[in-house]
Amino acid sequence: MPNVRIELYAGRTPEQKAACARDIVDAVVRNLGAPPEVVQVVFVDVERHDWHTGGRMPPPAPVKA
């Protein structure tokens, strides 16, 4: 049972995550030979202010027009 965990900034829509999950499942099936019904994709939303790289706070989120 391949399990793919994706940590990302919060804010993606369910539709964006579903499209990404479909592509990931397809890639796992194609490259690892796993049946699609056993491939799991887990999205972990992380608030931008909780994601630090190199000891630094992340830049502010871009402003949506």
PDB file of N, CA and C in Angstrom:
ATOM      1  N   MET A   1       0.839  -1.168   0.000  1.00  0.00           N
ATOM      2  CA  MET A   1       0.000   0.000   0.000  1.00  0.00           C
ATOM      3  C   MET A   1       0.888   1.236   0.000  1.00  0.00           C
ATOM      4  N   PRO A   2       1.185   1.802  -1.137  1.00  0.00           N
ATOM      5  CA  PRO A   2       1.955   3.041  -1.158  1.00  0.00           C
ATOM      6  C   PRO A   2       1.152   4.181  -0.532  1.00  0.00           C
ATOM      7  N   ASN A   3       1.824   4.943   0.321  1.00  0.00           N
ATOM      8  CA  ASN A   3       1.209   6.097   0.964  1.00  0.00           C
ATOM      9  C   ASN A   3       2.077   7.304   0.667  1.00  0.00           C
ATOM     10  N   VAL A   4       1.501   8.308   0.033  1.00  0.00           N
ATOM     11  CA  VAL A   4       2.225   9.522  -0.320  1.00  0.00           C
ATOM     12  C   VAL A   4       1.696  10.645   0.556  1.00  0.00           C
ATOM     13  N   ARG A   5       2.580  11.251   1.311  1.00  0.00           N
ATOM     14  CA  ARG A   5       2.203  12.347   2.220  1.00  0.00           C
ATOM     15  C   ARG A   5       2.745  13.647   1.646  1.00  0.00           C
ATOM     16  N   ILE A   6       1.874  14.636   1.513  1.00  0.00           N
ATOM     17  CA  ILE A   6       2.259  15.923   0.953  1.00  0.00           C
ATOM     18  C   ILE A   6       1.971  17.004   1.987  1.00  0.00           C
ATOM     19  N   GLU A   7       3.020  17.689   2.414  1.00  0.00           N
ATOM     20  CA  GLU A   7       2.861  18.817   3.324  1.00  0.00           C
ATOM     21  C   GLU A   7       2.957  20.086   2.493  1.00  0.00           C
ATOM     22  N   LEU A   8       1.999  20.976   2.675  1.00  0.00           N
ATOM     23  CA  LEU A   8       1.960  22.186   1.862  1.00  0.00           C
ATOM     24  C   LEU A   8       1.279  23.296   2.637  1.00  0.00           C
ATOM     25  N   TYR A   9       1.523  24.528   2.178  1.00  0.00           N
ATOM     26  CA  TYR A   9       0.828  25.652   2.791  1.00  0.00           C
ATOM     27  C   TYR A   9      -0.671  25.454   2.652  1.00  0.00           C
ATOM     28  N   ALA A  10      -1.393  25.803   3.679  1.00  0.00           N
ATOM     29  CA  ALA A  10      -2.849  25.730   3.647  1.00  0.00           C
ATOM     30  C   ALA A  10      -3.389  26.695   2.596  1.00  0.00           C
ATOM     31  N   GLY A  11      -4.549  26.358   2.054  1.00  0.00           N
ATOM     32  CA  GLY A  11      -5.203  27.275   1.135  1.00  0.00           C
ATOM     33  C   GLY A  11      -5.573  26.688  -0.211  1.00  0.00           C
ATOM     34  N   ARG A  12      -5.115  25.472  -0.506  1.00  0.00           N
ATOM     35  CA  ARG A  12      -5.519  24.851  -1.777  1.00  0.00           C
ATOM     36  C   ARG A  12      -6.953  24.373  -1.661  1.00  0.00           C
ATOM     37  N   THR A  13      -7.655  24.390  -2.766  1.00  0.00           N
ATOM     38  CA  THR A  13      -9.052  23.955  -2.764  1.00  0.00           C
ATOM     39  C   THR A  13      -9.127  22.429  -2.801  1.00  0.00           C
ATOM     40  N   PRO A  14     -10.261  21.868  -2.395  1.00  0.00           N
ATOM     41  CA  PRO A  14     -10.434  20.423  -2.524  1.00  0.00           C
ATOM     42  C   PRO A  14     -10.268  19.953  -3.971  1.00  0.00           C
ATOM     43  N   GLU A  15     -10.703  20.773  -4.924  1.00  0.00           N
ATOM     44  CA  GLU A  15     -10.566  20.400  -6.334  1.00  0.00           C
ATOM     45  C   GLU A  15      -9.097  20.340  -6.754  1.00  0.00           C
ATOM     46  N   GLN A  16      -8.288  21.281  -6.280  1.00  0.00           N
ATOM     47  CA  GLN A  16      -6.858  21.261  -6.593  1.00  0.00           C
ATOM     48  C   GLN A  16      -6.199  20.016  -6.004  1.00  0.00           C
ATOM     49  N   LYS A  17      -6.554  19.697  -4.774  1.00  0.00           N
ATOM     50  CA  LYS A  17      -5.975  18.520  -4.131  1.00  0.00           C
ATOM     51  C   LYS A  17      -6.413  17.241  -4.837  1.00  0.00           C
ATOM     52  N   ALA A  18      -7.661  17.170  -5.254  1.00  0.00           N
ATOM     53  CA  ALA A  18      -8.152  15.979  -5.953  1.00  0.00           C
ATOM     54  C   ALA A  18      -7.420  15.787  -7.273  1.00  0.00           C
ATOM     55  N   ALA A  19      -7.207  16.866  -8.015  1.00  0.00           N
ATOM     56  CA  ALA A  19      -6.481  16.765  -9.288  1.00  0.00           C
ATOM     57  C   ALA A  19      -5.049  16.317  -9.051  1.00  0.00           C
ATOM     58  N   CYS A  20      -4.412  16.865  -8.035  1.00  0.00           N
ATOM     59  CA  CYS A  20      -3.043  16.474  -7.699  1.00  0.00           C
ATOM     60  C   CYS A  20      -3.000  15.002  -7.293  1.00  0.00           C
ATOM     61  N   ALA A  21      -3.948  14.578  -6.463  1.00  0.00           N
ATOM     62  CA  ALA A  21      -3.991  13.188  -6.009  1.00  0.00           C
ATOM     63  C   ALA A  21      -4.158  12.233  -7.185  1.00  0.00           C
ATOM     64  N   ARG A  22      -5.009  12.582  -8.140  1.00  0.00           N
ATOM     65  CA  ARG A  22      -5.186  11.720  -9.322  1.00  0.00           C
ATOM     66  C   ARG A  22      -3.870  11.561 -10.077  1.00  0.00           C
ATOM     67  N   ASP A  23      -3.153  12.664 -10.266  1.00  0.00           N
ATOM     68  CA  ASP A  23      -1.872  12.596 -10.974  1.00  0.00           C
ATOM     69  C   ASP A  23      -0.850  11.760 -10.210  1.00  0.00           C
ATOM     70  N   ILE A  24      -0.837  11.898  -8.893  1.00  0.00           N
ATOM     71  CA  ILE A  24       0.108  11.132  -8.079  1.00  0.00           C
ATOM     72  C   ILE A  24      -0.231   9.647  -8.127  1.00  0.00           C
ATOM     73  N   VAL A  25      -1.506   9.315  -7.999  1.00  0.00           N
ATOM     74  CA  VAL A  25      -1.912   7.904  -8.086  1.00  0.00           C
ATOM     75  C   VAL A  25      -1.502   7.333  -9.437  1.00  0.00           C
ATOM     76  N   ASP A  26      -1.750   8.062 -10.512  1.00  0.00           N
ATOM     77  CA  ASP A  26      -1.355   7.595 -11.847  1.00  0.00           C
ATOM     78  C   ASP A  26       0.145   7.335 -11.918  1.00  0.00           C
ATOM     79  N   ALA A  27       0.945   8.227 -11.337  1.00  0.00           N
ATOM     80  CA  ALA A  27       2.402   8.070 -11.369  1.00  0.00           C
ATOM     81  C   ALA A  27       2.847   6.853 -10.562  1.00  0.00           C
ATOM     82  N   VAL A  28       2.236   6.641  -9.404  1.00  0.00           N
ATOM     83  CA  VAL A  28       2.596   5.485  -8.578  1.00  0.00           C
ATOM     84  C   VAL A  28       2.210   4.189  -9.289  1.00  0.00           C
ATOM     85  N   VAL A  29       1.037   4.162  -9.882  1.00  0.00           N
ATOM     86  CA  VAL A  29       0.602   2.973 -10.627  1.00  0.00           C
ATOM     87  C   VAL A  29       1.567   2.695 -11.773  1.00  0.00           C
ATOM     88  N   ARG A  30       1.893   3.729 -12.536  1.00  0.00           N
ATOM     89  CA  ARG A  30       2.760   3.580 -13.707  1.00  0.00           C
ATOM     90  C   ARG A  30       4.186   3.173 -13.321  1.00  0.00           C
ATOM     91  N   ASN A  31       4.730   3.777 -12.279  1.00  0.00           N
ATOM     92  CA  ASN A  31       6.138   3.562 -11.944  1.00  0.00           C
ATOM     93  C   ASN A  31       6.395   2.439 -10.954  1.00  0.00           C
ATOM     94  N   LEU A  32       5.432   2.146 -10.100  1.00  0.00           N
ATOM     95  CA  LEU A  32       5.641   1.118  -9.080  1.00  0.00           C
ATOM     96  C   LEU A  32       4.784  -0.120  -9.281  1.00  0.00           C
ATOM     97  N   GLY A  33       3.826  -0.034 -10.194  1.00  0.00           N
ATOM     98  CA  GLY A  33       2.992  -1.189 -10.484  1.00  0.00           C
ATOM     99  C   GLY A  33       1.943  -1.494  -9.430  1.00  0.00           C
ATOM    100  N   ALA A  34       1.673  -0.546  -8.556  1.00  0.00           N
ATOM    101  CA  ALA A  34       0.653  -0.769  -7.526  1.00  0.00           C
ATOM    102  C   ALA A  34      -0.733  -0.578  -8.131  1.00  0.00           C
ATOM    103  N   PRO A  35      -1.710  -1.357  -7.685  1.00  0.00           N
ATOM    104  CA  PRO A  35      -3.070  -1.118  -8.161  1.00  0.00           C
ATOM    105  C   PRO A  35      -3.579   0.210  -7.581  1.00  0.00           C
ATOM    106  N   PRO A  36      -4.327   0.974  -8.367  1.00  0.00           N
ATOM    107  CA  PRO A  36      -4.738   2.301  -7.907  1.00  0.00           C
ATOM    108  C   PRO A  36      -5.563   2.292  -6.624  1.00  0.00           C
ATOM    109  N   GLU A  37      -6.309   1.231  -6.392  1.00  0.00           N
ATOM    110  CA  GLU A  37      -7.175   1.215  -5.208  1.00  0.00           C
ATOM    111  C   GLU A  37      -6.416   1.104  -3.889  1.00  0.00           C
ATOM    112  N   VAL A  38      -5.110   0.837  -3.933  1.00  0.00           N
ATOM    113  CA  VAL A  38      -4.348   0.762  -2.683  1.00  0.00           C
ATOM    114  C   VAL A  38      -3.438   1.971  -2.473  1.00  0.00           C
ATOM    115  N   VAL A  39      -3.374   2.864  -3.436  1.00  0.00           N
ATOM    116  CA  VAL A  39      -2.509   4.043  -3.320  1.00  0.00           C
ATOM    117  C   VAL A  39      -3.231   5.114  -2.511  1.00  0.00           C
ATOM    118  N   GLN A  40      -2.576   5.573  -1.461  1.00  0.00           N
ATOM    119  CA  GLN A  40      -3.150   6.608  -0.604  1.00  0.00           C
ATOM    120  C   GLN A  40      -2.359   7.904  -0.769  1.00  0.00           C
ATOM    121  N   VAL A  41      -3.068   9.011  -0.848  1.00  0.00           N
ATOM    122  CA  VAL A  41      -2.443  10.333  -0.897  1.00  0.00           C
ATOM    123  C   VAL A  41      -3.031  11.144   0.250  1.00  0.00           C
ATOM    124  N   VAL A  42      -2.160  11.654   1.105  1.00  0.00           N
ATOM    125  CA  VAL A  42      -2.589  12.413   2.272  1.00  0.00           C
ATOM    126  C   VAL A  42      -2.025  13.827   2.160  1.00  0.00           C
ATOM    127  N   PHE A  43      -2.895  14.813   2.255  1.00  0.00           N
ATOM    128  CA  PHE A  43      -2.474  16.208   2.242  1.00  0.00           C
ATOM    129  C   PHE A  43      -2.483  16.728   3.674  1.00  0.00           C
ATOM    130  N   VAL A  44      -1.383  17.336   4.077  1.00  0.00           N
ATOM    131  CA  VAL A  44      -1.277  17.931   5.400  1.00  0.00           C
ATOM    132  C   VAL A  44      -1.109  19.434   5.204  1.00  0.00           C
ATOM    133  N   ASP A  45      -2.156  20.179   5.535  1.00  0.00           N
ATOM    134  CA  ASP A  45      -2.098  21.632   5.415  1.00  0.00           C
ATOM    135  C   ASP A  45      -1.332  22.215   6.597  1.00  0.00           C
ATOM    136  N   VAL A  46      -0.378  23.059   6.287  1.00  0.00           N
ATOM    137  CA  VAL A  46       0.416  23.726   7.310  1.00  0.00           C
ATOM    138  C   VAL A  46       0.222  25.228   7.128  1.00  0.00           C
ATOM    139  N   GLU A  47      -0.109  25.903   8.191  1.00  0.00           N
ATOM    140  CA  GLU A  47      -0.242  27.356   8.111  1.00  0.00           C
ATOM    141  C   GLU A  47       1.128  27.958   7.800  1.00  0.00           C
ATOM    142  N   ARG A  48       1.130  28.959   6.971  1.00  0.00           N
ATOM    143  CA  ARG A  48       2.372  29.585   6.509  1.00  0.00           C
ATOM    144  C   ARG A  48       3.264  29.986   7.689  1.00  0.00           C
ATOM    145  N   HIS A  49       2.665  30.529   8.748  1.00  0.00           N
ATOM    146  CA  HIS A  49       3.466  30.993   9.883  1.00  0.00           C
ATOM    147  C   HIS A  49       4.077  29.843  10.684  1.00  0.00           C
ATOM    148  N   ASP A  50       3.664  28.609  10.418  1.00  0.00           N
ATOM    149  CA  ASP A  50       4.214  27.450  11.116  1.00  0.00           C
ATOM    150  C   ASP A  50       5.328  26.758  10.338  1.00  0.00           C
ATOM    151  N   TRP A  51       5.665  27.255   9.159  1.00  0.00           N
ATOM    152  CA  TRP A  51       6.641  26.590   8.297  1.00  0.00           C
ATOM    153  C   TRP A  51       7.912  27.430   8.256  1.00  0.00           C
ATOM    154  N   HIS A  52       8.929  26.980   8.930  1.00  0.00           N
ATOM    155  CA  HIS A  52      10.193  27.716   9.008  1.00  0.00           C
ATOM    156  C   HIS A  52      11.265  26.948   8.245  1.00  0.00           C
ATOM    157  N   THR A  53      12.062  27.669   7.500  1.00  0.00           N
ATOM    158  CA  THR A  53      13.159  27.062   6.748  1.00  0.00           C
ATOM    159  C   THR A  53      14.440  27.793   7.114  1.00  0.00           C
ATOM    160  N   GLY A  54      15.450  27.045   7.489  1.00  0.00           N
ATOM    161  CA  GLY A  54      16.715  27.665   7.848  1.00  0.00           C
ATOM    162  C   GLY A  54      16.597  28.590   9.047  1.00  0.00           C
ATOM    163  N   GLY A  55      15.652  28.308   9.939  1.00  0.00           N
ATOM    164  CA  GLY A  55      15.472  29.123  11.128  1.00  0.00           C
ATOM    165  C   GLY A  55      14.774  30.445  10.877  1.00  0.00           C
ATOM    166  N   ARG A  56      14.244  30.620   9.688  1.00  0.00           N
ATOM    167  CA  ARG A  56      13.575  31.877   9.346  1.00  0.00           C
ATOM    168  C   ARG A  56      12.091  31.655   9.118  1.00  0.00           C
ATOM    169  N   MET A  57      11.343  32.685   9.477  1.00  0.00           N
ATOM    170  CA  MET A  57       9.909  32.642   9.208  1.00  0.00           C
ATOM    171  C   MET A  57       9.685  32.784   7.711  1.00  0.00           C
ATOM    172  N   PRO A  58       8.628  32.193   7.209  1.00  0.00           N
ATOM    173  CA  PRO A  58       8.338  32.299   5.781  1.00  0.00           C
ATOM    174  C   PRO A  58       7.861  33.703   5.423  1.00  0.00           C
ATOM    175  N   PRO A  59       7.983  34.061   4.152  1.00  0.00           N
ATOM    176  CA  PRO A  59       7.453  35.364   3.733  1.00  0.00           C
ATOM    177  C   PRO A  59       5.933  35.352   3.824  1.00  0.00           C
ATOM    178  N   PRO A  60       5.332  36.527   3.897  1.00  0.00           N
ATOM    179  CA  PRO A  60       3.865  36.564   3.940  1.00  0.00           C
ATOM    180  C   PRO A  60       3.260  35.985   2.668  1.00  0.00           C
ATOM    181  N   ALA A  61       2.048  35.504   2.811  1.00  0.00           N
ATOM    182  CA  ALA A  61       1.343  34.937   1.652  1.00  0.00           C
ATOM    183  C   ALA A  61       1.091  36.033   0.629  1.00  0.00           C
ATOM    184  N   PRO A  62       1.143  35.674  -0.653  1.00  0.00           N
ATOM    185  CA  PRO A  62       0.829  36.673  -1.673  1.00  0.00           C
ATOM    186  C   PRO A  62      -0.618  37.145  -1.533  1.00  0.00           C
ATOM    187  N   VAL A  63      -0.835  38.387  -1.829  1.00  0.00           N
ATOM    188  CA  VAL A  63      -2.182  38.955  -1.756  1.00  0.00           C
ATOM    189  C   VAL A  63      -2.927  38.588  -3.029  1.00  0.00           C
ATOM    190  N   LYS A  64      -4.128  38.034  -2.858  1.00  0.00           N
ATOM    191  CA  LYS A  64      -4.939  37.652  -4.017  1.00  0.00           C
ATOM    192  C   LYS A  64      -5.705  38.863  -4.516  1.00  0.00           C
ATOM    193  N   ALA A  65      -5.702  39.038  -5.828  1.00  0.00           N
ATOM    194  CA  ALA A  65      -6.402  40.191  -6.415  1.00  0.00           C
ATOM    195  C   ALA A  65      -7.875  39.927  -6.559  1.00  0.00           C
TER     196      ALA A  65
END
